[in-house]
Amino acid sequence: MAGIQPQDDLLKMTHRENWRMQHERLHIKHRGHEAMHAEMVLILIATLVVAQIVLVQWKQRHHRSYNLVTLVQMWVVPLYFTIKLYWWRFLSMWGMFSVITSYIIFRATRKPLSCRTPRMVYKWFLLIYKLSYAVGVLGYLAIMFTMFGFNVFFRIKAEDSMDVGVIMLFYGLYYGVMGRDFAEICSDYMASTIGYYNKGGIPSRSLSGDICAVCGQRILVEVEEEGLIEDTFQLSCGHIFHEFCIRGWCIVGKKQTCPYCNEKVDLKRMMNNPWEKTHVLYGQLLDWLRYLVAWQPIIIGIVHGINFSLGLE
């Protein structure tokens, strides 16, 4: 019975007590290895610096290949961990997102381009963008809600509310990044298909003044004609578009130029209220987190490989 008692005590321990005991064992195991730990930290820092330099140079010199490889990693790496750790909820959402997005990309890459395709593309990715933004904010608020102890008033366990917050924040950031990257791919294909300007930025064909260059539909509808009445927006270059189309082109598709003449677009002029500015800031945050999600696991794997080859544990 004496040999069984410690196991019984271990089963009676709470999750927090068990974690604390394992943490103390880890400290005892690594005690006296300070020099080796310092060497491992130096290897980690050096690898991060070198990797950052290589990635920045790659992005500057070969932007398209960098974005493509990053997008593939963003799409495949979470799938690997999902199957390995049996995260079926994420796998089902990932599968649904992949199927619908694949159909959207298929439509965006067809030639000739249907007049309804650009609007369908931007509606889908704008929906993903807004949903990911809302879910990410809710996840962040849930984390803050737990850290300030408000979960006690609702009799919610701190572990449960924190888990919900972290999962929602991850979902929002992940699908936000994926949506923006796929939207940019579709925008590139549609811009080349529409073909208003060539690679040198010179217009290759003319555009009628009453046609939106993004969706190809008429901007103004006559009184006796059937059609939707939409708000319009005029860029600094003088070209007029449907407001929904040009906002989708600039914000969702990350395009900073006029779809017709390729002139630089002033996004600050398009933002009418602080809430829309937060969407632009959120988009910049997604661009930064792309490195963390796509490349960080690769860099950590390289660090582990170096440590293993040097005999460091």
Protein backbone atom coordinates (compact mmCIF):
# COMPACT_ATOMS: atom_id res chain seq x y z
CA MET A 1 0.00 0.00 0.00
CA ALA A 2 2.93 2.31 0.65
CA GLY A 3 3.90 2.26 -3.04
CA ILE A 4 0.36 3.07 -4.14
CA GLN A 5 -0.11 6.06 -1.82
CA PRO A 6 1.94 8.58 -3.88
CA GLN A 7 -0.09 7.69 -6.98
CA ASP A 8 -3.33 8.23 -5.05
CA ASP A 9 -2.07 11.59 -3.82
CA LEU A 10 -1.20 12.56 -7.40
CA LEU A 11 -4.72 11.75 -8.56
CA LYS A 12 -6.24 13.83 -5.75
CA MET A 13 -4.17 16.90 -6.68
CA THR A 14 -5.81 19.74 -8.61
CA HIS A 15 -4.65 20.73 -12.06
CA ARG A 16 -2.85 23.81 -10.69
CA GLU A 17 -1.08 21.81 -7.94
CA ASN A 18 -0.04 19.16 -10.45
CA TRP A 19 1.35 21.82 -12.78
CA ARG A 20 3.27 23.45 -9.89
CA MET A 21 4.81 20.10 -8.88
CA GLN A 22 5.90 19.35 -12.46
CA HIS A 23 7.38 22.85 -12.70
CA GLU A 24 9.42 22.25 -9.53
CA ARG A 25 10.67 18.93 -10.91
CA LEU A 26 11.75 20.67 -14.10
CA HIS A 27 13.75 23.23 -12.08
CA ILE A 28 15.45 20.44 -10.12
CA LYS A 29 16.28 18.56 -13.34
CA HIS A 30 17.93 21.58 -14.98
CA ARG A 31 19.70 22.91 -11.89
CA GLY A 32 23.42 23.40 -12.54
CA HIS A 33 23.00 23.70 -16.32
CA GLU A 34 23.10 27.50 -16.41
CA ALA A 35 26.00 27.63 -18.90
CA MET A 36 24.24 25.28 -21.30
CA HIS A 37 21.02 27.27 -21.00
CA ALA A 38 22.87 30.51 -21.77
CA GLU A 39 24.34 28.90 -24.89
CA MET A 40 20.88 27.78 -25.99
CA VAL A 41 19.50 31.30 -25.49
CA LEU A 42 22.33 32.74 -27.62
CA ILE A 43 21.57 30.20 -30.37
CA LEU A 44 17.90 31.19 -30.27
CA ILE A 45 18.65 34.92 -30.49
CA ALA A 46 21.18 34.47 -33.31
CA THR A 47 18.77 32.25 -35.28
CA LEU A 48 15.94 34.77 -34.88
CA VAL A 49 18.14 37.64 -36.08
CA VAL A 50 19.48 35.73 -39.09
CA ALA A 51 16.01 34.45 -40.00
CA GLN A 52 14.56 37.96 -39.78
CA ILE A 53 17.26 39.33 -42.12
CA VAL A 54 16.75 36.50 -44.62
CA LEU A 55 12.96 36.90 -44.61
CA VAL A 56 13.13 40.69 -45.03
CA GLN A 57 15.55 40.39 -47.96
CA TRP A 58 13.44 37.66 -49.55
CA LYS A 59 10.29 39.75 -49.20
CA GLN A 60 11.95 42.82 -50.74
CA ARG A 61 13.59 40.99 -53.66
CA HIS A 62 10.96 38.33 -54.45
CA HIS A 63 7.70 39.58 -52.99
CA ARG A 64 5.37 37.22 -54.86
CA SER A 65 7.25 34.01 -54.04
CA TYR A 66 7.55 35.09 -50.39
CA ASN A 67 3.81 35.68 -50.12
CA LEU A 68 3.01 32.39 -51.85
CA VAL A 69 5.28 30.29 -49.62
CA THR A 70 3.99 32.09 -46.52
CA LEU A 71 0.39 31.46 -47.52
CA VAL A 72 1.04 27.76 -48.12
CA GLN A 73 2.63 27.47 -44.67
CA MET A 74 -0.25 29.38 -43.10
CA TRP A 75 -2.63 26.91 -44.70
CA VAL A 76 -0.73 23.64 -44.04
CA VAL A 77 1.02 24.07 -40.64
CA PRO A 78 -2.19 24.47 -38.57
CA LEU A 79 -3.69 21.50 -40.44
CA TYR A 80 -0.77 19.32 -39.31
CA PHE A 81 -1.18 20.26 -35.65
CA THR A 82 -4.97 19.96 -35.90
CA ILE A 83 -4.81 16.35 -37.10
CA LYS A 84 -2.02 15.49 -34.66
CA LEU A 85 -3.84 16.94 -31.62
CA TYR A 86 -7.39 15.93 -32.72
CA TRP A 87 -8.78 19.48 -32.87
CA TRP A 88 -11.85 18.48 -34.88
CA ARG A 89 -13.72 21.75 -34.32
CA PHE A 90 -10.95 23.74 -35.97
CA LEU A 91 -10.60 21.11 -38.70
CA SER A 92 -14.29 21.38 -39.64
CA MET A 93 -14.12 25.19 -39.82
CA TRP A 94 -10.86 25.02 -41.75
CA GLY A 95 -12.42 22.61 -44.25
CA MET A 96 -15.52 24.77 -44.79
CA PHE A 97 -13.38 27.90 -45.23
CA SER A 98 -11.08 26.09 -47.67
CA VAL A 99 -13.94 24.77 -49.83
CA ILE A 100 -15.71 28.12 -50.17
CA THR A 101 -12.48 30.06 -50.69
CA SER A 102 -11.34 27.57 -53.34
CA TYR A 103 -14.55 28.20 -55.27
CA ILE A 104 -14.08 31.97 -54.94
CA ILE A 105 -10.51 31.72 -56.25
CA PHE A 106 -11.71 29.51 -59.11
CA ARG A 107 -14.22 32.17 -60.14
CA ALA A 108 -11.67 34.96 -59.81
CA THR A 109 -9.13 33.22 -62.06
CA ARG A 110 -11.55 32.43 -64.91
CA LYS A 111 -11.21 34.19 -68.26
CA PRO A 112 -13.22 36.01 -69.39
CA LEU A 113 -14.06 37.44 -65.98
CA SER A 114 -17.75 37.52 -65.15
CA CYS A 115 -19.11 40.95 -64.30
CA ARG A 116 -20.47 39.58 -61.01
CA THR A 117 -17.23 37.94 -59.88
CA PRO A 118 -15.39 40.99 -58.40
CA ARG A 119 -18.33 41.86 -56.18
CA MET A 120 -18.76 38.25 -55.08
CA VAL A 121 -15.04 38.04 -54.26
CA TYR A 122 -15.03 41.18 -52.16
CA LYS A 123 -18.29 40.31 -50.40
CA TRP A 124 -16.87 36.97 -49.27
CA PHE A 125 -13.51 38.30 -48.11
CA LEU A 126 -15.06 41.38 -46.54
CA LEU A 127 -17.34 39.03 -44.57
CA ILE A 128 -14.32 36.98 -43.44
CA TYR A 129 -12.47 40.17 -42.57
CA LYS A 130 -15.29 41.55 -40.41
CA LEU A 131 -16.02 38.22 -38.74
CA SER A 132 -12.36 37.64 -37.91
CA TYR A 133 -12.11 41.18 -36.58
CA ALA A 134 -15.16 40.73 -34.34
CA VAL A 135 -14.11 37.28 -33.10
CA GLY A 136 -10.57 38.50 -32.39
CA VAL A 137 -11.85 41.47 -30.40
CA LEU A 138 -14.24 39.26 -28.42
CA GLY A 139 -11.39 36.87 -27.67
CA TYR A 140 -9.20 39.71 -26.46
CA LEU A 141 -12.01 41.04 -24.25
CA ALA A 142 -12.56 37.55 -22.82
CA ILE A 143 -8.86 37.37 -21.89
CA MET A 144 -9.00 40.80 -20.24
CA PHE A 145 -12.27 39.77 -18.56
CA THR A 146 -10.47 36.82 -16.96
CA MET A 147 -7.27 38.68 -16.06
CA PHE A 148 -9.25 41.31 -14.10
CA GLY A 149 -11.20 38.58 -12.30
CA PHE A 150 -14.68 39.42 -13.62
CA ASN A 151 -15.29 35.71 -14.30
CA VAL A 152 -15.78 35.22 -10.55
CA PHE A 153 -18.98 37.29 -10.60
CA PHE A 154 -20.47 34.94 -13.21
CA ARG A 155 -19.15 31.78 -11.50
CA ILE A 156 -16.99 30.90 -14.51
CA LYS A 157 -13.73 29.08 -13.96
CA ALA A 158 -10.68 31.12 -14.91
CA GLU A 159 -9.30 28.25 -17.00
CA ASP A 160 -12.54 27.99 -19.00
CA SER A 161 -12.91 31.71 -19.73
CA MET A 162 -9.21 32.03 -20.59
CA ASP A 163 -9.39 29.03 -22.95
CA VAL A 164 -12.41 30.54 -24.72
CA GLY A 165 -10.63 33.89 -25.07
CA VAL A 166 -7.41 32.37 -26.44
CA ILE A 167 -9.29 30.15 -28.91
CA MET A 168 -11.41 33.06 -30.20
CA LEU A 169 -8.35 35.30 -30.52
CA PHE A 170 -6.52 32.61 -32.47
CA TYR A 171 -9.50 32.01 -34.78
CA GLY A 172 -9.85 35.73 -35.45
CA LEU A 173 -6.17 36.28 -36.21
CA TYR A 174 -5.71 33.11 -38.26
CA TYR A 175 -8.70 33.53 -40.56
CA GLY A 176 -8.03 37.27 -40.76
CA VAL A 177 -4.56 36.59 -42.14
CA MET A 178 -5.77 33.86 -44.50
CA GLY A 179 -8.62 35.99 -45.80
CA ARG A 180 -6.38 38.97 -46.56
CA ASP A 181 -3.79 36.84 -48.36
CA PHE A 182 -6.33 35.03 -50.52
CA ALA A 183 -8.06 38.36 -51.24
CA GLU A 184 -4.77 39.77 -52.54
CA ILE A 185 -4.29 36.77 -54.82
CA CYS A 186 -7.79 37.21 -56.24
CA SER A 187 -7.21 40.96 -56.65
CA ASP A 188 -4.02 40.34 -58.63
CA TYR A 189 -5.75 37.89 -60.97
CA MET A 190 -8.76 40.12 -61.50
CA ALA A 191 -6.60 43.21 -62.10
CA SER A 192 -4.59 41.37 -64.76
CA THR A 193 -7.78 40.04 -66.34
CA ILE A 194 -9.50 43.43 -66.37
CA GLY A 195 -6.30 44.78 -67.91
CA TYR A 196 -6.85 48.55 -67.75
CA TYR A 197 -3.08 49.14 -67.38
CA ASN A 198 0.05 47.17 -68.23
CA LYS A 199 3.08 46.32 -66.06
CA GLY A 200 4.57 49.72 -66.70
CA GLY A 201 1.49 51.43 -65.26
CA ILE A 202 0.30 52.76 -68.63
CA PRO A 203 -3.42 52.32 -69.42
CA SER A 204 -3.83 49.69 -72.12
CA ARG A 205 -7.50 50.32 -72.84
CA SER A 206 -9.99 53.06 -72.13
CA LEU A 207 -12.78 53.04 -69.55
CA SER A 208 -16.13 54.69 -70.03
CA GLY A 209 -16.87 57.37 -67.47
CA ASP A 210 -20.03 55.69 -66.20
CA ILE A 211 -18.43 52.25 -65.61
CA CYS A 212 -16.89 51.09 -62.32
CA ALA A 213 -13.44 49.64 -63.08
CA VAL A 214 -13.71 47.11 -60.24
CA CYS A 215 -17.02 45.40 -60.96
CA GLY A 216 -17.53 46.53 -64.58
CA GLN A 217 -21.10 47.70 -63.88
CA ARG A 218 -22.61 51.10 -64.55
CA ILE A 219 -22.10 53.62 -61.74
CA LEU A 220 -25.26 55.65 -62.34
CA VAL A 221 -28.57 54.04 -63.21
CA GLU A 222 -31.20 55.90 -65.18
CA VAL A 223 -34.64 56.42 -63.63
CA GLU A 224 -36.43 54.12 -66.06
CA GLU A 225 -33.72 51.40 -65.84
CA GLU A 226 -33.60 48.49 -63.39
CA GLY A 227 -30.60 48.32 -61.10
CA LEU A 228 -29.21 49.07 -57.66
CA ILE A 229 -28.59 52.63 -56.50
CA GLU A 230 -25.24 52.71 -54.70
CA ASP A 231 -23.02 55.33 -53.14
CA THR A 232 -19.99 56.36 -55.15
CA PHE A 233 -16.50 57.49 -54.21
CA GLN A 234 -14.07 59.63 -56.21
CA LEU A 235 -10.34 59.06 -55.79
CA SER A 236 -7.75 61.82 -55.88
CA CYS A 237 -7.00 60.88 -59.50
CA GLY A 238 -10.59 61.78 -60.45
CA HIS A 239 -11.93 58.31 -61.23
CA ILE A 240 -15.27 57.34 -59.68
CA PHE A 241 -16.23 53.89 -58.36
CA HIS A 242 -18.91 52.22 -56.34
CA GLU A 243 -17.99 52.90 -52.72
CA PHE A 244 -18.31 49.22 -51.79
CA CYS A 245 -16.08 48.19 -54.69
CA ILE A 246 -13.27 50.65 -54.02
CA ARG A 247 -13.26 49.97 -50.26
CA GLY A 248 -13.02 46.26 -50.96
CA TRP A 249 -10.25 46.88 -53.48
CA CYS A 250 -8.17 49.05 -51.12
CA ILE A 251 -8.81 47.64 -47.65
CA VAL A 252 -9.61 43.96 -48.18
CA GLY A 253 -7.41 43.39 -51.22
CA LYS A 254 -4.55 45.52 -49.82
CA LYS A 255 -4.41 47.51 -53.06
CA GLN A 256 -3.05 51.03 -52.65
CA THR A 257 -3.57 52.11 -56.27
CA CYS A 258 -6.44 53.15 -58.52
CA PRO A 259 -7.82 50.10 -60.40
CA TYR A 260 -7.85 52.10 -63.64
CA CYS A 261 -4.83 54.43 -63.79
CA ASN A 262 -2.61 52.77 -61.14
CA GLU A 263 -2.19 56.05 -59.24
CA LYS A 264 -1.44 55.96 -55.50
CA VAL A 265 -4.57 55.96 -53.32
CA ASP A 266 -4.77 58.03 -50.13
CA LEU A 267 -6.40 55.64 -47.66
CA LYS A 268 -6.58 58.32 -44.94
CA ARG A 269 -8.93 60.32 -47.14
CA MET A 270 -11.25 57.32 -47.45
CA MET A 271 -11.61 56.85 -43.70
CA ASN A 272 -14.62 58.83 -42.46
CA ASN A 273 -14.78 57.66 -38.84
CA PRO A 274 -12.49 56.17 -36.16
CA TRP A 275 -14.07 52.73 -36.40
CA GLU A 276 -12.99 52.34 -40.02
CA LYS A 277 -9.46 53.42 -39.08
CA THR A 278 -9.34 50.57 -36.57
CA HIS A 279 -10.01 48.14 -39.42
CA VAL A 280 -6.89 49.44 -41.22
CA LEU A 281 -4.84 49.12 -38.02
CA TYR A 282 -6.18 45.59 -37.57
CA GLY A 283 -5.08 44.77 -41.11
CA GLN A 284 -1.56 45.98 -40.30
CA LEU A 285 -1.58 43.80 -37.19
CA LEU A 286 -2.50 40.79 -39.34
CA ASP A 287 0.42 41.54 -41.66
CA TRP A 288 2.79 41.49 -38.68
CA LEU A 289 1.29 38.31 -37.19
CA ARG A 290 1.73 36.49 -40.49
CA TYR A 291 5.43 36.17 -39.62
CA LEU A 292 4.59 34.82 -36.16
CA VAL A 293 2.15 32.17 -37.38
CA ALA A 294 3.85 31.05 -40.61
CA TRP A 295 7.56 31.31 -39.86
CA GLN A 296 7.89 31.01 -36.09
CA PRO A 297 7.33 27.21 -36.01
CA ILE A 298 9.96 26.79 -38.77
CA ILE A 299 12.48 28.93 -36.88
CA ILE A 300 11.85 27.09 -33.59
CA GLY A 301 12.32 23.78 -35.44
CA ILE A 302 15.68 25.01 -36.79
CA VAL A 303 16.74 26.03 -33.27
CA HIS A 304 15.84 22.58 -31.93
CA GLY A 305 17.81 20.98 -34.76
CA ILE A 306 20.90 23.07 -33.95
CA ASN A 307 20.62 22.26 -30.24
CA PHE A 308 20.24 18.55 -30.99
CA SER A 309 23.27 18.51 -33.32
CA LEU A 310 25.37 20.22 -30.59
CA GLY A 311 24.18 17.83 -27.90
CA LEU A 312 22.25 20.49 -25.98
CA GLU A 313 19.05 19.48 -24.16
